[in-house]
Amino acid sequence: PRKAGYSLFVQRIHVHVTDGSAGVTWRFADSIGTKLTGPFDVSTSGSTYTQDFGPEGAQLADNATLRFIVSAGTAEGLISWEAYQKQTATLAASAT
């Protein structure tokens, strides 16, 4: 689970299609629905895609998660990503 006041920064997404399927696409978005990358055409086995967002990375909305979205479940592949989280909002301290 994501912590309140923290954001995920995606630096790189790498896709390698091992078993393609005609007409199938893959894409990535945050849990709010904001498109991050894709769609990637995964109809050809051996296809490789890399999306590099640089050292700072692409910031997802506060408390959002990364989602992998497929148009159909008939292709296979390997997916890797590099990301980190950091505090992006000032949180008030609570008195006890």
PDB file of N, CA and C in Angstrom:
ATOM      1  N   PRO A   1       0.823  -1.208   0.000  1.00  0.00           N
ATOM      2  CA  PRO A   1       0.000   0.000   0.000  1.00  0.00           C
ATOM      3  C   PRO A   1       0.856   1.256   0.000  1.00  0.00           C
ATOM      4  N   ARG A   2       0.389   2.249  -0.678  1.00  0.00           N
ATOM      5  CA  ARG A   2       1.085   3.527  -0.742  1.00  0.00           C
ATOM      6  C   ARG A   2       0.798   4.312   0.534  1.00  0.00           C
ATOM      7  N   LYS A   3       1.732   5.109   0.961  1.00  0.00           N
ATOM      8  CA  LYS A   3       1.554   5.976   2.116  1.00  0.00           C
ATOM      9  C   LYS A   3       1.008   7.318   1.659  1.00  0.00           C
ATOM     10  N   ALA A   4       0.148   7.903   2.448  1.00  0.00           N
ATOM     11  CA  ALA A   4      -0.354   9.243   2.154  1.00  0.00           C
ATOM     12  C   ALA A   4       0.820  10.220   2.144  1.00  0.00           C
ATOM     13  N   GLY A   5       0.823  11.118   1.184  1.00  0.00           N
ATOM     14  CA  GLY A   5       1.884  12.109   1.086  1.00  0.00           C
ATOM     15  C   GLY A   5       3.111  11.645   0.321  1.00  0.00           C
ATOM     16  N   TYR A   6       3.080  10.415  -0.194  1.00  0.00           N
ATOM     17  CA  TYR A   6       4.189   9.878  -0.969  1.00  0.00           C
ATOM     18  C   TYR A   6       3.749   9.636  -2.400  1.00  0.00           C
ATOM     19  N   SER A   7       4.674   9.812  -3.333  1.00  0.00           N
ATOM     20  CA  SER A   7       4.399   9.554  -4.743  1.00  0.00           C
ATOM     21  C   SER A   7       5.406   8.558  -5.285  1.00  0.00           C
ATOM     22  N   LEU A   8       4.957   7.795  -6.265  1.00  0.00           N
ATOM     23  CA  LEU A   8       5.812   6.851  -6.962  1.00  0.00           C
ATOM     24  C   LEU A   8       6.377   7.535  -8.198  1.00  0.00           C
ATOM     25  N   PHE A   9       7.668   7.372  -8.435  1.00  0.00           N
ATOM     26  CA  PHE A   9       8.345   7.922  -9.604  1.00  0.00           C
ATOM     27  C   PHE A   9       8.866   6.759 -10.440  1.00  0.00           C
ATOM     28  N   VAL A  10       8.313   6.578 -11.627  1.00  0.00           N
ATOM     29  CA  VAL A  10       8.716   5.490 -12.514  1.00  0.00           C
ATOM     30  C   VAL A  10       9.825   6.009 -13.429  1.00  0.00           C
ATOM     31  N   GLN A  11      10.975   5.357 -13.389  1.00  0.00           N
ATOM     32  CA  GLN A  11      12.115   5.790 -14.185  1.00  0.00           C
ATOM     33  C   GLN A  11      12.219   5.059 -15.520  1.00  0.00           C
ATOM     34  N   ARG A  12      11.868   3.768 -15.530  1.00  0.00           N
ATOM     35  CA  ARG A  12      12.011   3.001 -16.765  1.00  0.00           C
ATOM     36  C   ARG A  12      11.045   1.814 -16.744  1.00  0.00           C
ATOM     37  N   ILE A  13      10.475   1.538 -17.925  1.00  0.00           N
ATOM     38  CA  ILE A  13       9.655   0.342 -18.123  1.00  0.00           C
ATOM     39  C   ILE A  13      10.226  -0.389 -19.328  1.00  0.00           C
ATOM     40  N   HIS A  14      10.452  -1.694 -19.160  1.00  0.00           N
ATOM     41  CA  HIS A  14      10.994  -2.505 -20.252  1.00  0.00           C
ATOM     42  C   HIS A  14      10.061  -3.688 -20.500  1.00  0.00           C
ATOM     43  N   VAL A  15       9.713  -3.921 -21.766  1.00  0.00           N
ATOM     44  CA  VAL A  15       8.818  -5.002 -22.161  1.00  0.00           C
ATOM     45  C   VAL A  15       9.522  -5.852 -23.214  1.00  0.00           C
ATOM     46  N   HIS A  16       9.509  -7.163 -23.022  1.00  0.00           N
ATOM     47  CA  HIS A  16      10.020  -8.100 -24.033  1.00  0.00           C
ATOM     48  C   HIS A  16       8.923  -9.129 -24.283  1.00  0.00           C
ATOM     49  N   VAL A  17       8.431  -9.196 -25.503  1.00  0.00           N
ATOM     50  CA  VAL A  17       7.352 -10.111 -25.872  1.00  0.00           C
ATOM     51  C   VAL A  17       7.954 -11.478 -26.192  1.00  0.00           C
ATOM     52  N   THR A  18       7.551 -12.511 -25.456  1.00  0.00           N
ATOM     53  CA  THR A  18       8.066 -13.858 -25.704  1.00  0.00           C
ATOM     54  C   THR A  18       7.122 -14.674 -26.586  1.00  0.00           C
ATOM     55  N   ASP A  19       5.830 -14.387 -26.519  1.00  0.00           N
ATOM     56  CA  ASP A  19       4.841 -15.100 -27.335  1.00  0.00           C
ATOM     57  C   ASP A  19       3.762 -14.099 -27.743  1.00  0.00           C
ATOM     58  N   GLY A  20       3.892 -13.564 -28.944  1.00  0.00           N
ATOM     59  CA  GLY A  20       2.982 -12.532 -29.420  1.00  0.00           C
ATOM     60  C   GLY A  20       1.608 -13.058 -29.803  1.00  0.00           C
ATOM     61  N   SER A  21       0.672 -12.125 -29.934  1.00  0.00           N
ATOM     62  CA  SER A  21      -0.688 -12.466 -30.334  1.00  0.00           C
ATOM     63  C   SER A  21      -1.255 -11.291 -31.127  1.00  0.00           C
ATOM     64  N   ALA A  22      -1.777 -11.576 -32.318  1.00  0.00           N
ATOM     65  CA  ALA A  22      -2.270 -10.532 -33.225  1.00  0.00           C
ATOM     66  C   ALA A  22      -3.320  -9.649 -32.558  1.00  0.00           C
ATOM     67  N   GLY A  23      -3.141  -8.350 -32.724  1.00  0.00           N
ATOM     68  CA  GLY A  23      -4.116  -7.382 -32.249  1.00  0.00           C
ATOM     69  C   GLY A  23      -4.059  -7.061 -30.767  1.00  0.00           C
ATOM     70  N   VAL A  24      -3.119  -7.644 -30.033  1.00  0.00           N
ATOM     71  CA  VAL A  24      -3.033  -7.425 -28.592  1.00  0.00           C
ATOM     72  C   VAL A  24      -2.090  -6.254 -28.299  1.00  0.00           C
ATOM     73  N   THR A  25      -2.491  -5.409 -27.354  1.00  0.00           N
ATOM     74  CA  THR A  25      -1.647  -4.299 -26.904  1.00  0.00           C
ATOM     75  C   THR A  25      -1.537  -4.318 -25.388  1.00  0.00           C
ATOM     76  N   TRP A  26      -0.431  -3.785 -24.910  1.00  0.00           N
ATOM     77  CA  TRP A  26      -0.201  -3.604 -23.479  1.00  0.00           C
ATOM     78  C   TRP A  26       0.090  -2.133 -23.243  1.00  0.00           C
ATOM     79  N   ARG A  27      -0.332  -1.627 -22.084  1.00  0.00           N
ATOM     80  CA  ARG A  27      -0.011  -0.252 -21.710  1.00  0.00           C
ATOM     81  C   ARG A  27       0.089  -0.146 -20.201  1.00  0.00           C
ATOM     82  N   PHE A  28       0.594   0.984 -19.759  1.00  0.00           N
ATOM     83  CA  PHE A  28       0.769   1.239 -18.333  1.00  0.00           C
ATOM     84  C   PHE A  28       0.105   2.559 -17.980  1.00  0.00           C
ATOM     85  N   ALA A  29      -0.547   2.584 -16.838  1.00  0.00           N
ATOM     86  CA  ALA A  29      -1.212   3.789 -16.346  1.00  0.00           C
ATOM     87  C   ALA A  29      -1.135   3.775 -14.823  1.00  0.00           C
ATOM     88  N   ASP A  30      -1.476   4.904 -14.212  1.00  0.00           N
ATOM     89  CA  ASP A  30      -1.559   4.877 -12.755  1.00  0.00           C
ATOM     90  C   ASP A  30      -2.956   4.418 -12.343  1.00  0.00           C
ATOM     91  N   SER A  31      -3.145   4.176 -11.063  1.00  0.00           N
ATOM     92  CA  SER A  31      -4.409   3.636 -10.576  1.00  0.00           C
ATOM     93  C   SER A  31      -5.564   4.624 -10.680  1.00  0.00           C
ATOM     94  N   ILE A  32      -5.270   5.869 -11.013  1.00  0.00           N
ATOM     95  CA  ILE A  32      -6.308   6.876 -11.243  1.00  0.00           C
ATOM     96  C   ILE A  32      -6.763   6.836 -12.703  1.00  0.00           C
ATOM     97  N   GLY A  33      -5.956   6.210 -13.568  1.00  0.00           N
ATOM     98  CA  GLY A  33      -6.295   6.086 -14.976  1.00  0.00           C
ATOM     99  C   GLY A  33      -5.470   6.950 -15.897  1.00  0.00           C
ATOM    100  N   THR A  34      -4.528   7.707 -15.360  1.00  0.00           N
ATOM    101  CA  THR A  34      -3.662   8.553 -16.172  1.00  0.00           C
ATOM    102  C   THR A  34      -2.666   7.695 -16.935  1.00  0.00           C
ATOM    103  N   LYS A  35      -2.661   7.834 -18.264  1.00  0.00           N
ATOM    104  CA  LYS A  35      -1.765   7.052 -19.121  1.00  0.00           C
ATOM    105  C   LYS A  35      -0.309   7.389 -18.812  1.00  0.00           C
ATOM    106  N   LEU A  36       0.495   6.351 -18.685  1.00  0.00           N
ATOM    107  CA  LEU A  36       1.922   6.531 -18.469  1.00  0.00           C
ATOM    108  C   LEU A  36       2.693   6.219 -19.746  1.00  0.00           C
ATOM    109  N   THR A  37       2.363   5.121 -20.402  1.00  0.00           N
ATOM    110  CA  THR A  37       3.035   4.740 -21.638  1.00  0.00           C
ATOM    111  C   THR A  37       2.215   3.696 -22.398  1.00  0.00           C
ATOM    112  N   GLY A  38       2.546   3.540 -23.680  1.00  0.00           N
ATOM    113  CA  GLY A  38       1.845   2.576 -24.523  1.00  0.00           C
ATOM    114  C   GLY A  38       0.690   3.231 -25.242  1.00  0.00           C
ATOM    115  N   PRO A  39      -0.072   2.476 -25.978  1.00  0.00           N
ATOM    116  CA  PRO A  39      -0.048   1.021 -26.013  1.00  0.00           C
ATOM    117  C   PRO A  39       1.112   0.474 -26.840  1.00  0.00           C
ATOM    118  N   PHE A  40       1.649  -0.644 -26.381  1.00  0.00           N
ATOM    119  CA  PHE A  40       2.681  -1.369 -27.108  1.00  0.00           C
ATOM    120  C   PHE A  40       2.010  -2.492 -27.888  1.00  0.00           C
ATOM    121  N   ASP A  41       2.362  -2.632 -29.155  1.00  0.00           N
ATOM    122  CA  ASP A  41       1.856  -3.724 -29.986  1.00  0.00           C
ATOM    123  C   ASP A  41       2.634  -4.984 -29.625  1.00  0.00           C
ATOM    124  N   VAL A  42       1.957  -5.985 -29.092  1.00  0.00           N
ATOM    125  CA  VAL A  42       2.635  -7.210 -28.674  1.00  0.00           C
ATOM    126  C   VAL A  42       2.247  -8.396 -29.568  1.00  0.00           C
ATOM    127  N   SER A  43       2.023  -8.104 -30.851  1.00  0.00           N
ATOM    128  CA  SER A  43       1.630  -9.163 -31.783  1.00  0.00           C
ATOM    129  C   SER A  43       2.810  -9.975 -32.297  1.00  0.00           C
ATOM    130  N   THR A  44       4.037  -9.463 -32.163  1.00  0.00           N
ATOM    131  CA  THR A  44       5.209 -10.142 -32.715  1.00  0.00           C
ATOM    132  C   THR A  44       6.124 -10.646 -31.604  1.00  0.00           C
ATOM    133  N   SER A  45       6.353 -11.949 -31.568  1.00  0.00           N
ATOM    134  CA  SER A  45       7.291 -12.529 -30.600  1.00  0.00           C
ATOM    135  C   SER A  45       8.672 -11.935 -30.814  1.00  0.00           C
ATOM    136  N   GLY A  46       9.368 -11.646 -29.735  1.00  0.00           N
ATOM    137  CA  GLY A  46      10.705 -11.076 -29.814  1.00  0.00           C
ATOM    138  C   GLY A  46      10.732  -9.560 -29.804  1.00  0.00           C
ATOM    139  N   SER A  47       9.570  -8.925 -29.888  1.00  0.00           N
ATOM    140  CA  SER A  47       9.529  -7.454 -29.848  1.00  0.00           C
ATOM    141  C   SER A  47       9.985  -6.967 -28.478  1.00  0.00           C
ATOM    142  N   THR A  48      10.688  -5.834 -28.465  1.00  0.00           N
ATOM    143  CA  THR A  48      11.178  -5.241 -27.229  1.00  0.00           C
ATOM    144  C   THR A  48      10.860  -3.753 -27.234  1.00  0.00           C
ATOM    145  N   TYR A  49      10.385  -3.246 -26.106  1.00  0.00           N
ATOM    146  CA  TYR A  49      10.081  -1.825 -25.953  1.00  0.00           C
ATOM    147  C   TYR A  49      10.664  -1.346 -24.634  1.00  0.00           C
ATOM    148  N   THR A  50      11.271  -0.181 -24.666  1.00  0.00           N
ATOM    149  CA  THR A  50      11.765   0.440 -23.443  1.00  0.00           C
ATOM    150  C   THR A  50      11.305   1.890 -23.420  1.00  0.00           C
ATOM    151  N   GLN A  51      10.691   2.287 -22.322  1.00  0.00           N
ATOM    152  CA  GLN A  51      10.303   3.678 -22.106  1.00  0.00           C
ATOM    153  C   GLN A  51      11.143   4.189 -20.955  1.00  0.00           C
ATOM    154  N   ASP A  52      11.998   5.179 -21.224  1.00  0.00           N
ATOM    155  CA  ASP A  52      12.897   5.742 -20.215  1.00  0.00           C
ATOM    156  C   ASP A  52      12.411   7.137 -19.854  1.00  0.00           C
ATOM    157  N   PHE A  53      12.101   7.349 -18.589  1.00  0.00           N
ATOM    158  CA  PHE A  53      11.607   8.638 -18.109  1.00  0.00           C
ATOM    159  C   PHE A  53      12.706   9.477 -17.454  1.00  0.00           C
ATOM    160  N   GLY A  54      13.959   9.035 -17.569  1.00  0.00           N
ATOM    161  CA  GLY A  54      15.079   9.791 -17.025  1.00  0.00           C
ATOM    162  C   GLY A  54      15.290   9.529 -15.543  1.00  0.00           C
ATOM    163  N   PRO A  55      16.366  10.119 -14.978  1.00  0.00           N
ATOM    164  CA  PRO A  55      16.718   9.833 -13.589  1.00  0.00           C
ATOM    165  C   PRO A  55      15.671  10.309 -12.573  1.00  0.00           C
ATOM    166  N   GLU A  56      14.970  11.393 -12.857  1.00  0.00           N
ATOM    167  CA  GLU A  56      13.920  11.875 -11.945  1.00  0.00           C
ATOM    168  C   GLU A  56      12.689  10.969 -12.027  1.00  0.00           C
ATOM    169  N   GLY A  57      12.366  10.494 -13.227  1.00  0.00           N
ATOM    170  CA  GLY A  57      11.220   9.616 -13.413  1.00  0.00           C
ATOM    171  C   GLY A  57       9.933  10.379 -13.646  1.00  0.00           C
ATOM    172  N   ALA A  58       8.902   9.646 -14.029  1.00  0.00           N
ATOM    173  CA  ALA A  58       7.563  10.200 -14.220  1.00  0.00           C
ATOM    174  C   ALA A  58       6.804  10.029 -12.910  1.00  0.00           C
ATOM    175  N   GLN A  59       6.337  11.137 -12.352  1.00  0.00           N
ATOM    176  CA  GLN A  59       5.650  11.100 -11.064  1.00  0.00           C
ATOM    177  C   GLN A  59       4.196  10.677 -11.237  1.00  0.00           C
ATOM    178  N   LEU A  60       3.798   9.651 -10.490  1.00  0.00           N
ATOM    179  CA  LEU A  60       2.391   9.270 -10.432  1.00  0.00           C
ATOM    180  C   LEU A  60       1.705  10.131  -9.384  1.00  0.00           C
ATOM    181  N   ALA A  61       0.409  10.218  -9.451  1.00  0.00           N
ATOM    182  CA  ALA A  61      -0.352  11.013  -8.488  1.00  0.00           C
ATOM    183  C   ALA A  61      -0.098  10.509  -7.065  1.00  0.00           C
ATOM    184  N   ASP A  62      -0.227  11.398  -6.100  1.00  0.00           N
ATOM    185  CA  ASP A  62      -0.055  11.050  -4.698  1.00  0.00           C
ATOM    186  C   ASP A  62      -0.913   9.833  -4.362  1.00  0.00           C
ATOM    187  N   ASN A  63      -0.282   8.834  -3.776  1.00  0.00           N
ATOM    188  CA  ASN A  63      -0.952   7.624  -3.313  1.00  0.00           C
ATOM    189  C   ASN A  63      -1.404   6.692  -4.446  1.00  0.00           C
ATOM    190  N   ALA A  64      -1.017   6.963  -5.704  1.00  0.00           N
ATOM    191  CA  ALA A  64      -1.400   6.112  -6.839  1.00  0.00           C
ATOM    192  C   ALA A  64      -0.418   4.950  -6.981  1.00  0.00           C
ATOM    193  N   THR A  65      -0.861   3.897  -7.656  1.00  0.00           N
ATOM    194  CA  THR A  65      -0.028   2.736  -7.938  1.00  0.00           C
ATOM    195  C   THR A  65       0.117   2.572  -9.446  1.00  0.00           C
ATOM    196  N   LEU A  66       1.075   1.766  -9.863  1.00  0.00           N
ATOM    197  CA  LEU A  66       1.308   1.487 -11.280  1.00  0.00           C
ATOM    198  C   LEU A  66       0.431   0.315 -11.706  1.00  0.00           C
ATOM    199  N   ARG A  67      -0.248   0.458 -12.845  1.00  0.00           N
ATOM    200  CA  ARG A  67      -1.110  -0.603 -13.364  1.00  0.00           C
ATOM    201  C   ARG A  67      -0.654  -1.036 -14.754  1.00  0.00           C
ATOM    202  N   PHE A  68      -0.735  -2.332 -14.982  1.00  0.00           N
ATOM    203  CA  PHE A  68      -0.434  -2.950 -16.271  1.00  0.00           C
ATOM    204  C   PHE A  68      -1.779  -3.317 -16.892  1.00  0.00           C
ATOM    205  N   ILE A  69      -2.058  -2.807 -18.101  1.00  0.00           N
ATOM    206  CA  ILE A  69      -3.368  -2.971 -18.723  1.00  0.00           C
ATOM    207  C   ILE A  69      -3.197  -3.688 -20.061  1.00  0.00           C
ATOM    208  N   VAL A  70      -3.923  -4.788 -20.221  1.00  0.00           N
ATOM    209  CA  VAL A  70      -3.843  -5.588 -21.448  1.00  0.00           C
ATOM    210  C   VAL A  70      -5.168  -5.512 -22.205  1.00  0.00           C
ATOM    211  N   SER A  71      -5.074  -5.526 -23.544  1.00  0.00           N
ATOM    212  CA  SER A  71      -6.295  -5.498 -24.350  1.00  0.00           C
ATOM    213  C   SER A  71      -6.926  -6.881 -24.450  1.00  0.00           C
ATOM    214  N   ALA A  72      -6.114  -7.924 -24.308  1.00  0.00           N
ATOM    215  CA  ALA A  72      -6.578  -9.316 -24.302  1.00  0.00           C
ATOM    216  C   ALA A  72      -5.491 -10.148 -23.630  1.00  0.00           C
ATOM    217  N   GLY A  73      -5.846 -11.271 -23.089  1.00  0.00           N
ATOM    218  CA  GLY A  73      -4.899 -12.061 -22.302  1.00  0.00           C
ATOM    219  C   GLY A  73      -4.190 -13.164 -23.044  1.00  0.00           C
ATOM    220  N   THR A  74      -3.878 -12.961 -24.320  1.00  0.00           N
ATOM    221  CA  THR A  74      -3.320 -14.069 -25.096  1.00  0.00           C
ATOM    222  C   THR A  74      -1.845 -13.927 -25.452  1.00  0.00           C
ATOM    223  N   ALA A  75      -1.182 -12.861 -25.053  1.00  0.00           N
ATOM    224  CA  ALA A  75       0.251 -12.687 -25.324  1.00  0.00           C
ATOM    225  C   ALA A  75       1.028 -12.935 -24.034  1.00  0.00           C
ATOM    226  N   GLU A  76       2.309 -13.278 -24.187  1.00  0.00           N
ATOM    227  CA  GLU A  76       3.165 -13.509 -23.024  1.00  0.00           C
ATOM    228  C   GLU A  76       4.437 -12.698 -23.175  1.00  0.00           C
ATOM    229  N   GLY A  77       5.020 -12.307 -22.053  1.00  0.00           N
ATOM    230  CA  GLY A  77       6.254 -11.554 -22.115  1.00  0.00           C
ATOM    231  C   GLY A  77       6.849 -11.324 -20.745  1.00  0.00           C
ATOM    232  N   LEU A  78       7.967 -10.642 -20.755  1.00  0.00           N
ATOM    233  CA  LEU A  78       8.682 -10.277 -19.538  1.00  0.00           C
ATOM    234  C   LEU A  78       8.604  -8.765 -19.387  1.00  0.00           C
ATOM    235  N   ILE A  79       8.287  -8.312 -18.203  1.00  0.00           N
ATOM    236  CA  ILE A  79       8.154  -6.883 -17.941  1.00  0.00           C
ATOM    237  C   ILE A  79       8.996  -6.542 -16.719  1.00  0.00           C
ATOM    238  N   SER A  80       9.759  -5.471 -16.821  1.00  0.00           N
ATOM    239  CA  SER A  80      10.492  -4.978 -15.661  1.00  0.00           C
ATOM    240  C   SER A  80      10.337  -3.467 -15.593  1.00  0.00           C
ATOM    241  N   TRP A  81      10.458  -2.932 -14.395  1.00  0.00           N
ATOM    242  CA  TRP A  81      10.389  -1.483 -14.232  1.00  0.00           C
ATOM    243  C   TRP A  81      11.293  -1.065 -13.088  1.00  0.00           C
ATOM    244  N   GLU A  82      11.732   0.166 -13.174  1.00  0.00           N
ATOM    245  CA  GLU A  82      12.530   0.765 -12.107  1.00  0.00           C
ATOM    246  C   GLU A  82      11.747   1.959 -11.597  1.00  0.00           C
ATOM    247  N   ALA A  83      11.615   2.044 -10.283  1.00  0.00           N
ATOM    248  CA  ALA A  83      10.838   3.123  -9.682  1.00  0.00           C
ATOM    249  C   ALA A  83      11.282   3.322  -8.237  1.00  0.00           C
ATOM    250  N   TYR A  84      10.906   4.442  -7.690  1.00  0.00           N
ATOM    251  CA  TYR A  84      11.161   4.717  -6.272  1.00  0.00           C
ATOM    252  C   TYR A  84      10.012   5.580  -5.756  1.00  0.00           C
ATOM    253  N   GLN A  85       9.889   5.654  -4.447  1.00  0.00           N
ATOM    254  CA  GLN A  85       8.888   6.535  -3.853  1.00  0.00           C
ATOM    255  C   GLN A  85       9.590   7.589  -3.009  1.00  0.00           C
ATOM    256  N   LYS A  86       8.975   8.751  -2.933  1.00  0.00           N
ATOM    257  CA  LYS A  86       9.506   9.769  -2.042  1.00  0.00           C
ATOM    258  C   LYS A  86       8.343  10.625  -1.530  1.00  0.00           C
ATOM    259  N   GLN A  87       8.594  11.248  -0.410  1.00  0.00           N
ATOM    260  CA  GLN A  87       7.578  12.108   0.186  1.00  0.00           C
ATOM    261  C   GLN A  87       7.425  13.357  -0.668  1.00  0.00           C
ATOM    262  N   THR A  88       6.206  13.655  -1.067  1.00  0.00           N
ATOM    263  CA  THR A  88       5.950  14.809  -1.925  1.00  0.00           C
ATOM    264  C   THR A  88       4.983  15.798  -1.294  1.00  0.00           C
ATOM    265  N   ALA A  89       4.461  15.476  -0.126  1.00  0.00           N
ATOM    266  CA  ALA A  89       3.543  16.392   0.558  1.00  0.00           C
ATOM    267  C   ALA A  89       4.004  16.543   2.001  1.00  0.00           C
ATOM    268  N   THR A  90       3.780  17.710   2.541  1.00  0.00           N
ATOM    269  CA  THR A  90       4.105  17.958   3.943  1.00  0.00           C
ATOM    270  C   THR A  90       2.970  17.424   4.789  1.00  0.00           C
ATOM    271  N   LEU A  91       3.298  16.557   5.714  1.00  0.00           N
ATOM    272  CA  LEU A  91       2.289  15.954   6.581  1.00  0.00           C
ATOM    273  C   LEU A  91       2.342  16.613   7.952  1.00  0.00           C
ATOM    274  N   ALA A  92       1.186  16.922   8.487  1.00  0.00           N
ATOM    275  CA  ALA A  92       1.111  17.544   9.801  1.00  0.00           C
ATOM    276  C   ALA A  92       1.395  16.491  10.875  1.00  0.00           C
ATOM    277  N   ALA A  93       2.150  16.870  11.850  1.00  0.00           N
ATOM    278  CA  ALA A  93       2.424  15.957  12.963  1.00  0.00           C
ATOM    279  C   ALA A  93       1.214  15.946  13.876  1.00  0.00           C
ATOM    280  N   SER A  94       0.903  14.778  14.399  1.00  0.00           N
ATOM    281  CA  SER A  94      -0.237  14.688  15.316  1.00  0.00           C
ATOM    282  C   SER A  94       0.264  14.663  16.740  1.00  0.00           C
ATOM    283  N   ALA A  95      -0.461  15.348  17.582  1.00  0.00           N
ATOM    284  CA  ALA A  95      -0.111  15.392  19.016  1.00  0.00           C
ATOM    285  C   ALA A  95      -0.718  14.176  19.707  1.00  0.00           C
ATOM    286  N   THR A  96       0.037  13.593  20.614  1.00  0.00           N
ATOM    287  CA  THR A  96      -0.490  12.438  21.346  1.00  0.00           C
ATOM    288  C   THR A  96      -0.663  12.752  22.798  1.00  0.00           C
TER     289      THR A  96
END
